[in-house]
């Protein structure tokens, strides 16, 4: 039982650390996309 709990804790920590690696580039791309949308809308209208 202890081995199972330690393994689950390790997997949880691994996922938390890697989630930042996926979220940061995704947020940067989303911010650039939204900025481009706003500036293109302001240029057209």
PDB file of N, CA and C in Angstrom:
ATOM      1  N   UNK A   1       0.832  -1.201   0.000  1.00  0.00           N
ATOM      2  CA  UNK A   1       0.000   0.000   0.000  1.00  0.00           C
ATOM      3  C   UNK A   1       0.874   1.262   0.000  1.00  0.00           C
ATOM      4  N   UNK A   2       1.948   1.233   0.785  1.00  0.00           N
ATOM      5  CA  UNK A   2       2.836   2.399   0.837  1.00  0.00           C
ATOM      6  C   UNK A   2       3.491   2.647  -0.518  1.00  0.00           C
ATOM      7  N   UNK A   3       3.870   1.566  -1.197  1.00  0.00           N
ATOM      8  CA  UNK A   3       4.483   1.690  -2.522  1.00  0.00           C
ATOM      9  C   UNK A   3       3.505   2.324  -3.507  1.00  0.00           C
ATOM     10  N   UNK A   4       2.253   1.936  -3.427  1.00  0.00           N
ATOM     11  CA  UNK A   4       1.224   2.497  -4.315  1.00  0.00           C
ATOM     12  C   UNK A   4       1.036   3.992  -4.052  1.00  0.00           C
ATOM     13  N   UNK A   5       1.010   4.383  -2.784  1.00  0.00           N
ATOM     14  CA  UNK A   5       0.841   5.800  -2.447  1.00  0.00           C
ATOM     15  C   UNK A   5       2.050   6.623  -2.894  1.00  0.00           C
ATOM     16  N   UNK A   6       3.257   6.092  -2.709  1.00  0.00           N
ATOM     17  CA  UNK A   6       4.472   6.800  -3.146  1.00  0.00           C
ATOM     18  C   UNK A   6       4.490   6.941  -4.662  1.00  0.00           C
ATOM     19  N   UNK A   7       4.081   5.906  -5.378  1.00  0.00           N
ATOM     20  CA  UNK A   7       4.036   5.969  -6.841  1.00  0.00           C
ATOM     21  C   UNK A   7       3.029   6.991  -7.318  1.00  0.00           C
ATOM     22  N   UNK A   8       1.873   7.033  -6.684  1.00  0.00           N
ATOM     23  CA  UNK A   8       0.840   7.996  -7.060  1.00  0.00           C
ATOM     24  C   UNK A   8       1.309   9.416  -6.788  1.00  0.00           C
ATOM     25  N   UNK A   9       1.984   9.630  -5.670  1.00  0.00           N
ATOM     26  CA  UNK A   9       2.501  10.954  -5.333  1.00  0.00           C
ATOM     27  C   UNK A   9       3.561  11.379  -6.346  1.00  0.00           C
ATOM     28  N   UNK A  10       4.402  10.440  -6.766  1.00  0.00           N
ATOM     29  CA  UNK A  10       5.437  10.741  -7.755  1.00  0.00           C
ATOM     30  C   UNK A  10       4.845  11.118  -9.102  1.00  0.00           C
ATOM     31  N   UNK A  11       3.825  10.382  -9.524  1.00  0.00           N
ATOM     32  CA  UNK A  11       3.171  10.682 -10.801  1.00  0.00           C
ATOM     33  C   UNK A  11       2.479  12.034 -10.720  1.00  0.00           C
ATOM     34  N   UNK A  12       1.846  12.324  -9.620  1.00  0.00           N
ATOM     35  CA  UNK A  12       1.170  13.607  -9.451  1.00  0.00           C
ATOM     36  C   UNK A  12       2.162  14.767  -9.519  1.00  0.00           C
ATOM     37  N   UNK A  13       3.292  14.629  -8.855  1.00  0.00           N
ATOM     38  CA  UNK A  13       4.315  15.667  -8.890  1.00  0.00           C
ATOM     39  C   UNK A  13       4.861  15.835 -10.306  1.00  0.00           C
ATOM     40  N   UNK A  14       5.087  14.726 -11.000  1.00  0.00           N
ATOM     41  CA  UNK A  14       5.590  14.767 -12.375  1.00  0.00           C
ATOM     42  C   UNK A  14       4.614  15.512 -13.283  1.00  0.00           C
ATOM     43  N   UNK A  15       3.330  15.243 -13.140  1.00  0.00           N
ATOM     44  CA  UNK A  15       2.330  15.919 -13.975  1.00  0.00           C
ATOM     45  C   UNK A  15       2.245  17.408 -13.647  1.00  0.00           C
ATOM     46  N   UNK A  16       2.365  17.762 -12.377  1.00  0.00           N
ATOM     47  CA  UNK A  16       2.313  19.173 -11.999  1.00  0.00           C
ATOM     48  C   UNK A  16       3.498  19.934 -12.569  1.00  0.00           C
ATOM     49  N   UNK A  17       4.678  19.339 -12.546  1.00  0.00           N
ATOM     50  CA  UNK A  17       5.861  20.013 -13.073  1.00  0.00           C
ATOM     51  C   UNK A  17       5.778  20.162 -14.588  1.00  0.00           C
ATOM     52  N   UNK A  18       5.292  19.153 -15.275  1.00  0.00           N
ATOM     53  CA  UNK A  18       5.215  19.213 -16.728  1.00  0.00           C
ATOM     54  C   UNK A  18       4.054  20.054 -17.215  1.00  0.00           C
ATOM     55  N   UNK A  19       3.038  20.260 -16.383  1.00  0.00           N
ATOM     56  CA  UNK A  19       1.899  21.074 -16.803  1.00  0.00           C
ATOM     57  C   UNK A  19       2.355  22.503 -17.093  1.00  0.00           C
ATOM     58  N   UNK A  20       3.292  23.023 -16.318  1.00  0.00           N
ATOM     59  CA  UNK A  20       3.815  24.367 -16.566  1.00  0.00           C
ATOM     60  C   UNK A  20       4.510  24.441 -17.924  1.00  0.00           C
ATOM     61  N   UNK A  21       5.194  23.380 -18.289  1.00  0.00           N
ATOM     62  CA  UNK A  21       5.908  23.368 -19.573  1.00  0.00           C
ATOM     63  C   UNK A  21       4.942  23.407 -20.744  1.00  0.00           C
ATOM     64  N   UNK A  22       3.736  22.905 -20.555  1.00  0.00           N
ATOM     65  CA  UNK A  22       2.739  22.945 -21.629  1.00  0.00           C
ATOM     66  C   UNK A  22       1.930  24.232 -21.592  1.00  0.00           C
ATOM     67  N   UNK A  23       1.645  24.735 -20.406  1.00  0.00           N
ATOM     68  CA  UNK A  23       0.776  25.911 -20.283  1.00  0.00           C
ATOM     69  C   UNK A  23       1.464  27.198 -20.707  1.00  0.00           C
ATOM     70  N   UNK A  24       2.730  27.372 -20.391  1.00  0.00           N
ATOM     71  CA  UNK A  24       3.415  28.625 -20.704  1.00  0.00           C
ATOM     72  C   UNK A  24       3.468  28.881 -22.207  1.00  0.00           C
ATOM     73  N   UNK A  25       3.917  27.951 -23.041  1.00  0.00           N
ATOM     74  CA  UNK A  25       3.895  28.223 -24.483  1.00  0.00           C
ATOM     75  C   UNK A  25       2.478  28.405 -25.026  1.00  0.00           C
ATOM     76  N   UNK A  26       1.526  27.653 -24.470  1.00  0.00           N
ATOM     77  CA  UNK A  26       0.139  27.797 -24.917  1.00  0.00           C
ATOM     78  C   UNK A  26      -0.391  29.187 -24.601  1.00  0.00           C
ATOM     79  N   UNK A  27      -0.088  29.708 -23.421  1.00  0.00           N
ATOM     80  CA  UNK A  27      -0.530  31.056 -23.059  1.00  0.00           C
ATOM     81  C   UNK A  27       0.162  32.121 -23.902  1.00  0.00           C
ATOM     82  N   UNK A  28       1.431  31.919 -24.234  1.00  0.00           N
ATOM     83  CA  UNK A  28       2.136  32.882 -25.081  1.00  0.00           C
ATOM     84  C   UNK A  28       1.506  32.923 -26.470  1.00  0.00           C
ATOM     85  N   UNK A  29       1.229  31.766 -27.036  1.00  0.00           N
ATOM     86  CA  UNK A  29       0.605  31.708 -28.361  1.00  0.00           C
ATOM     87  C   UNK A  29      -0.788  32.332 -28.315  1.00  0.00           C
ATOM     88  N   UNK A  30      -1.547  32.053 -27.278  1.00  0.00           N
ATOM     89  CA  UNK A  30      -2.887  32.623 -27.156  1.00  0.00           C
ATOM     90  C   UNK A  30      -2.820  34.147 -27.030  1.00  0.00           C
ATOM     91  N   UNK A  31      -1.865  34.675 -26.282  1.00  0.00           N
ATOM     92  CA  UNK A  31      -1.731  36.120 -26.123  1.00  0.00           C
ATOM     93  C   UNK A  31      -1.339  36.766 -27.444  1.00  0.00           C
ATOM     94  N   UNK A  32      -0.421  36.156 -28.190  1.00  0.00           N
ATOM     95  CA  UNK A  32      -0.036  36.698 -29.491  1.00  0.00           C
ATOM     96  C   UNK A  32      -1.209  36.663 -30.467  1.00  0.00           C
ATOM     97  N   UNK A  33      -1.961  35.588 -30.438  1.00  0.00           N
ATOM     98  CA  UNK A  33      -3.116  35.460 -31.322  1.00  0.00           C
ATOM     99  C   UNK A  33      -4.168  36.519 -31.003  1.00  0.00           C
ATOM    100  N   UNK A  34      -4.477  36.688 -29.722  1.00  0.00           N
ATOM    101  CA  UNK A  34      -5.480  37.690 -29.338  1.00  0.00           C
ATOM    102  C   UNK A  34      -4.999  39.102 -29.636  1.00  0.00           C
ATOM    103  N   UNK A  35      -3.720  39.371 -29.417  1.00  0.00           N
ATOM    104  CA  UNK A  35      -3.166  40.680 -29.755  1.00  0.00           C
ATOM    105  C   UNK A  35      -3.249  40.945 -31.244  1.00  0.00           C
ATOM    106  N   UNK A  36      -2.933  39.953 -32.049  1.00  0.00           N
ATOM    107  CA  UNK A  36      -3.048  40.098 -33.495  1.00  0.00           C
ATOM    108  C   UNK A  36      -4.472  40.320 -33.937  1.00  0.00           C
ATOM    109  N   UNK A  37      -5.401  39.627 -33.305  1.00  0.00           N
ATOM    110  CA  UNK A  37      -6.823  39.818 -33.642  1.00  0.00           C
ATOM    111  C   UNK A  37      -7.263  41.242 -33.308  1.00  0.00           C
ATOM    112  N   UNK A  38      -6.858  41.740 -32.153  1.00  0.00           N
ATOM    113  CA  UNK A  38      -7.277  43.089 -31.750  1.00  0.00           C
ATOM    114  C   UNK A  38      -6.671  44.149 -32.670  1.00  0.00           C
ATOM    115  N   UNK A  39      -5.398  44.015 -32.999  1.00  0.00           N
ATOM    116  CA  UNK A  39      -4.754  45.011 -33.851  1.00  0.00           C
ATOM    117  C   UNK A  39      -5.274  44.942 -35.281  1.00  0.00           C
ATOM    118  N   UNK A  40      -5.578  43.759 -35.766  1.00  0.00           N
ATOM    119  CA  UNK A  40      -6.095  43.660 -37.137  1.00  0.00           C
ATOM    120  C   UNK A  40      -7.514  44.235 -37.185  1.00  0.00           C
ATOM    121  N   UNK A  41      -8.284  44.042 -36.134  1.00  0.00           N
ATOM    122  CA  UNK A  41      -9.638  44.609 -36.097  1.00  0.00           C
ATOM    123  C   UNK A  41      -9.570  46.130 -36.033  1.00  0.00           C
ATOM    124  N   UNK A  42      -8.640  46.666 -35.257  1.00  0.00           N
ATOM    125  CA  UNK A  42      -8.501  48.120 -35.130  1.00  0.00           C
ATOM    126  C   UNK A  42      -7.996  48.707 -36.452  1.00  0.00           C
ATOM    127  N   UNK A  43      -7.172  48.014 -37.207  1.00  0.00           N
ATOM    128  CA  UNK A  43      -6.655  48.526 -38.470  1.00  0.00           C
ATOM    129  C   UNK A  43      -7.717  48.537 -39.551  1.00  0.00           C
ATOM    130  N   UNK A  44      -8.629  47.579 -39.494  1.00  0.00           N
ATOM    131  CA  UNK A  44      -9.667  47.476 -40.540  1.00  0.00           C
ATOM    132  C   UNK A  44     -10.770  48.494 -40.290  1.00  0.00           C
ATOM    133  N   UNK A  45     -11.149  48.672 -39.031  1.00  0.00           N
ATOM    134  CA  UNK A  45     -12.281  49.548 -38.735  1.00  0.00           C
ATOM    135  C   UNK A  45     -11.812  50.932 -38.327  1.00  0.00           C
TER     136      UNK A  45
END
